[in-house]
């Protein structure tokens, strides 16, 4: 159904997302980035929303 609305997927976009996912995976595997537990992220967002 979505394909009818938007047309076929753009192979360049799909390739870009694949490359992005691979880059992020490498960063996690090498320790180049730190992960943040979801509960911490959501708590911070809730706090920021309360402050306006």
Protein backbone atom coordinates (compact mmCIF):
# COMPACT_ATOMS: atom_id res chain seq x y z
CA UNK A 1 0.00 0.00 0.00
CA UNK A 2 2.76 2.47 0.91
CA UNK A 3 4.60 1.68 -2.27
CA UNK A 4 1.53 2.79 -4.20
CA UNK A 5 1.65 6.17 -2.44
CA UNK A 6 5.37 6.81 -2.58
CA UNK A 7 6.55 4.71 -5.48
CA UNK A 8 9.26 2.08 -5.27
CA UNK A 9 12.01 2.46 -2.68
CA UNK A 10 15.01 4.51 -3.79
CA UNK A 11 18.03 2.17 -3.88
CA UNK A 12 20.34 5.08 -2.98
CA UNK A 13 18.38 5.75 0.19
CA UNK A 14 18.38 2.08 1.12
CA UNK A 15 22.16 1.92 0.56
CA UNK A 16 22.68 5.06 2.64
CA UNK A 17 20.70 3.55 5.54
CA UNK A 18 22.64 0.30 5.28
CA UNK A 19 25.95 2.18 5.39
CA UNK A 20 24.72 4.23 8.37
CA UNK A 21 23.70 1.08 10.24
CA UNK A 22 27.08 -0.50 9.53
CA UNK A 23 28.91 2.63 10.71
CA UNK A 24 26.93 2.71 13.94
CA UNK A 25 27.56 -0.97 14.51
CA UNK A 26 31.32 -0.48 14.05
CA UNK A 27 31.28 2.45 16.50
CA UNK A 28 29.56 0.29 19.11
CA UNK A 29 31.87 -2.66 18.50
CA UNK A 30 35.03 -0.56 18.81
CA UNK A 31 33.83 1.41 21.82
CA UNK A 32 33.97 4.69 19.91
CA UNK A 33 30.56 5.61 21.31
CA UNK A 34 28.83 4.95 24.59
CA UNK A 35 25.29 3.70 24.93
CA UNK A 36 22.78 5.27 27.28
CA UNK A 37 20.08 3.10 28.84
CA UNK A 38 16.62 3.94 27.51
CA UNK A 39 15.22 4.65 30.99
CA UNK A 40 17.86 7.37 31.46
CA UNK A 41 17.08 8.91 28.07
CA UNK A 42 13.33 8.94 28.70
CA UNK A 43 13.77 10.36 32.21
CA UNK A 44 15.91 13.19 30.81
CA UNK A 45 13.36 13.94 28.08
CA UNK A 46 10.49 13.96 30.59
CA UNK A 47 12.46 16.34 32.81
CA UNK A 48 13.18 18.67 29.89
CA UNK A 49 9.53 18.64 28.82
CA UNK A 50 8.42 19.54 32.34
CA UNK A 51 10.74 22.55 32.30
CA UNK A 52 9.37 23.66 28.95
